[in-house]
Amino acid sequence: MVPIAPIIDRVMTSDIVRVRAVARGRVQMVGFRAFVQRHAAQLGLGGSVRNAPDGTVVCELQGAREAVEQMLARLNDGPLHARVDRVDVEPLEPVADAPSMRVTA
């Protein structure tokens, strides 16, 4: 599991944060994108989630720091049939008008 708060704290000091999270393991064909969309909506996060050609799932998440931290923790568990080996997290600059969570591919 990735220690999430230090990654966010290192670069972002505002209450609104944006990250790219790449879930690795058995994360495609297990309902991972729907899992992300559902949990992100519950937490009030915006962004996107997509399957990547290399077998990972890439999420961009933006919202309140605490909500993003909660979502990153949930990504480490994933949906029932997933096996999450690790989640790589990269801080990004927040954008002014983050869309509601959408599945893009």
C-alpha atoms as a PDB file:
ATOM      1  CA  MET A   1       0.000   0.000   0.000  1.00  0.00           C
ATOM      2  CA  VAL A   2       1.239   3.473  -0.905  1.00  0.00           C
ATOM      3  CA  PRO A   3       1.595   5.993   1.953  1.00  0.00           C
ATOM      4  CA  ILE A   4      -0.726   8.558   0.436  1.00  0.00           C
ATOM      5  CA  ALA A   5      -0.566  11.674   2.609  1.00  0.00           C
ATOM      6  CA  PRO A   6       3.213  12.214   2.192  1.00  0.00           C
ATOM      7  CA  ILE A   7       2.892  12.123  -1.597  1.00  0.00           C
ATOM      8  CA  ILE A   8       0.161  14.745  -1.565  1.00  0.00           C
ATOM      9  CA  ASP A   9       1.786  16.867   1.161  1.00  0.00           C
ATOM     10  CA  ARG A  10       5.101  17.025  -0.673  1.00  0.00           C
ATOM     11  CA  VAL A  11       3.707  18.970  -3.598  1.00  0.00           C
ATOM     12  CA  MET A  12       0.258  20.246  -2.768  1.00  0.00           C
ATOM     13  CA  THR A  13      -0.609  22.611   0.014  1.00  0.00           C
ATOM     14  CA  SER A  14      -4.140  23.678  -0.968  1.00  0.00           C
ATOM     15  CA  ASP A  15      -7.330  22.028   0.225  1.00  0.00           C
ATOM     16  CA  ILE A  16      -8.150  20.945  -3.355  1.00  0.00           C
ATOM     17  CA  VAL A  17      -5.767  18.387  -4.795  1.00  0.00           C
ATOM     18  CA  ARG A  18      -5.442  16.474  -8.061  1.00  0.00           C
ATOM     19  CA  VAL A  19      -3.572  13.216  -8.567  1.00  0.00           C
ATOM     20  CA  ARG A  20      -2.993  10.590 -11.229  1.00  0.00           C
ATOM     21  CA  ALA A  21      -3.230   7.104  -9.761  1.00  0.00           C
ATOM     22  CA  VAL A  22      -2.249   4.015 -11.749  1.00  0.00           C
ATOM     23  CA  ALA A  23      -3.604   0.742 -10.364  1.00  0.00           C
ATOM     24  CA  ARG A  24      -1.521  -2.328 -11.229  1.00  0.00           C
ATOM     25  CA  GLY A  25      -2.379  -6.008 -10.898  1.00  0.00           C
ATOM     26  CA  ARG A  26      -5.539  -7.784 -12.043  1.00  0.00           C
ATOM     27  CA  VAL A  27      -7.506  -4.564 -12.463  1.00  0.00           C
ATOM     28  CA  GLN A  28      -9.146  -4.868 -15.880  1.00  0.00           C
ATOM     29  CA  MET A  29     -12.276  -6.932 -16.622  1.00  0.00           C
ATOM     30  CA  VAL A  30     -13.202  -6.928 -12.902  1.00  0.00           C
ATOM     31  CA  GLY A  31     -15.417  -3.836 -12.681  1.00  0.00           C
ATOM     32  CA  PHE A  32     -12.623  -1.529 -11.559  1.00  0.00           C
ATOM     33  CA  ARG A  33     -13.717   1.515 -13.567  1.00  0.00           C
ATOM     34  CA  ALA A  34     -17.300   1.262 -12.304  1.00  0.00           C
ATOM     35  CA  PHE A  35     -15.921   0.848  -8.770  1.00  0.00           C
ATOM     36  CA  VAL A  36     -13.889   4.035  -9.172  1.00  0.00           C
ATOM     37  CA  GLN A  37     -16.801   5.962 -10.670  1.00  0.00           C
ATOM     38  CA  ARG A  38     -19.165   4.898  -7.869  1.00  0.00           C
ATOM     39  CA  HIS A  39     -16.772   5.644  -5.001  1.00  0.00           C
ATOM     40  CA  ALA A  40     -15.601   8.920  -6.522  1.00  0.00           C
ATOM     41  CA  ALA A  41     -19.228  10.073  -6.798  1.00  0.00           C
ATOM     42  CA  GLN A  42     -19.824   9.148  -3.147  1.00  0.00           C
ATOM     43  CA  LEU A  43     -16.791  11.229  -2.153  1.00  0.00           C
ATOM     44  CA  GLY A  44     -17.649  14.175  -4.409  1.00  0.00           C
ATOM     45  CA  LEU A  45     -14.557  13.792  -6.604  1.00  0.00           C
ATOM     46  CA  GLY A  46     -14.139  14.807 -10.226  1.00  0.00           C
ATOM     47  CA  GLY A  47     -11.836  13.388 -12.858  1.00  0.00           C
ATOM     48  CA  SER A  48     -11.639  10.378 -15.123  1.00  0.00           C
ATOM     49  CA  VAL A  49     -10.840   6.676 -15.143  1.00  0.00           C
ATOM     50  CA  ARG A  50      -9.736   4.529 -18.084  1.00  0.00           C
ATOM     51  CA  ASN A  51      -8.203   1.199 -18.966  1.00  0.00           C
ATOM     52  CA  ALA A  52      -4.684   1.527 -20.365  1.00  0.00           C
ATOM     53  CA  PRO A  53      -3.261  -0.772 -23.064  1.00  0.00           C
ATOM     54  CA  ASP A  54      -0.645  -2.095 -20.612  1.00  0.00           C
ATOM     55  CA  GLY A  55      -3.343  -3.658 -18.380  1.00  0.00           C
ATOM     56  CA  THR A  56      -3.421  -0.915 -15.755  1.00  0.00           C
ATOM     57  CA  VAL A  57      -6.284   1.374 -14.787  1.00  0.00           C
ATOM     58  CA  VAL A  58      -5.442   5.090 -14.817  1.00  0.00           C
ATOM     59  CA  CYS A  59      -7.435   7.485 -12.635  1.00  0.00           C
ATOM     60  CA  GLU A  60      -7.239  11.238 -12.396  1.00  0.00           C
ATOM     61  CA  LEU A  61      -8.920  12.411  -9.224  1.00  0.00           C
ATOM     62  CA  GLN A  62      -9.583  15.934  -8.019  1.00  0.00           C
ATOM     63  CA  GLY A  63     -11.334  17.190  -4.928  1.00  0.00           C
ATOM     64  CA  ALA A  64     -10.927  17.823  -1.240  1.00  0.00           C
ATOM     65  CA  ARG A  65      -7.647  16.464   0.124  1.00  0.00           C
ATOM     66  CA  GLU A  66      -9.361  14.132   2.595  1.00  0.00           C
ATOM     67  CA  ALA A  67     -11.691  12.720  -0.077  1.00  0.00           C
ATOM     68  CA  VAL A  68      -8.777  12.083  -2.458  1.00  0.00           C
ATOM     69  CA  GLU A  69      -6.874  10.319   0.326  1.00  0.00           C
ATOM     70  CA  GLN A  70      -9.922   8.143   1.063  1.00  0.00           C
ATOM     71  CA  MET A  71     -10.306   7.300  -2.626  1.00  0.00           C
ATOM     72  CA  LEU A  72      -6.646   6.338  -2.950  1.00  0.00           C
ATOM     73  CA  ALA A  73      -7.039   4.003   0.014  1.00  0.00           C
ATOM     74  CA  ARG A  74     -10.069   2.422  -1.675  1.00  0.00           C
ATOM     75  CA  LEU A  75      -8.098   1.967  -4.895  1.00  0.00           C
ATOM     76  CA  ASN A  76      -5.628  -0.186  -2.984  1.00  0.00           C
ATOM     77  CA  ASP A  77      -8.493  -2.561  -2.122  1.00  0.00           C
ATOM     78  CA  GLY A  78     -10.333  -2.387  -5.450  1.00  0.00           C
ATOM     79  CA  PRO A  79     -13.544  -4.254  -6.271  1.00  0.00           C
ATOM     80  CA  LEU A  80     -14.228  -7.814  -5.161  1.00  0.00           C
ATOM     81  CA  HIS A  81     -12.593  -9.683  -8.063  1.00  0.00           C
ATOM     82  CA  ALA A  82      -9.600  -7.379  -8.498  1.00  0.00           C
ATOM     83  CA  ARG A  83      -6.087  -8.018  -7.234  1.00  0.00           C
ATOM     84  CA  VAL A  84      -4.333  -4.713  -6.724  1.00  0.00           C
ATOM     85  CA  ASP A  85      -0.575  -5.198  -6.546  1.00  0.00           C
ATOM     86  CA  ARG A  86       0.153  -1.503  -6.147  1.00  0.00           C
ATOM     87  CA  VAL A  87      -1.115   1.984  -6.913  1.00  0.00           C
ATOM     88  CA  ASP A  88       1.382   4.526  -8.211  1.00  0.00           C
ATOM     89  CA  VAL A  89       0.396   8.097  -7.328  1.00  0.00           C
ATOM     90  CA  GLU A  90       1.608  11.283  -8.995  1.00  0.00           C
ATOM     91  CA  PRO A  91       0.469  14.743  -7.868  1.00  0.00           C
ATOM     92  CA  LEU A  92      -0.915  17.050 -10.571  1.00  0.00           C
ATOM     93  CA  GLU A  93      -1.908  20.701 -10.643  1.00  0.00           C
ATOM     94  CA  PRO A  94      -5.622  21.126  -9.889  1.00  0.00           C
ATOM     95  CA  VAL A  95      -7.751  22.449 -12.754  1.00  0.00           C
ATOM     96  CA  ALA A  96     -10.408  25.127 -12.402  1.00  0.00           C
ATOM     97  CA  ASP A  97     -13.384  23.150 -13.706  1.00  0.00           C
ATOM     98  CA  ALA A  98     -12.833  19.466 -12.982  1.00  0.00           C
ATOM     99  CA  PRO A  99     -15.639  17.425 -14.547  1.00  0.00           C
ATOM    100  CA  SER A 100     -17.607  14.920 -12.505  1.00  0.00           C
ATOM    101  CA  MET A 101     -16.025  11.461 -12.569  1.00  0.00           C
ATOM    102  CA  ARG A 102     -16.267   9.929 -16.019  1.00  0.00           C
ATOM    103  CA  VAL A 103     -15.159   6.685 -17.616  1.00  0.00           C
ATOM    104  CA  THR A 104     -13.213   7.531 -20.762  1.00  0.00           C
ATOM    105  CA  ALA A 105     -12.146   4.153 -22.167  1.00  0.00           C
END
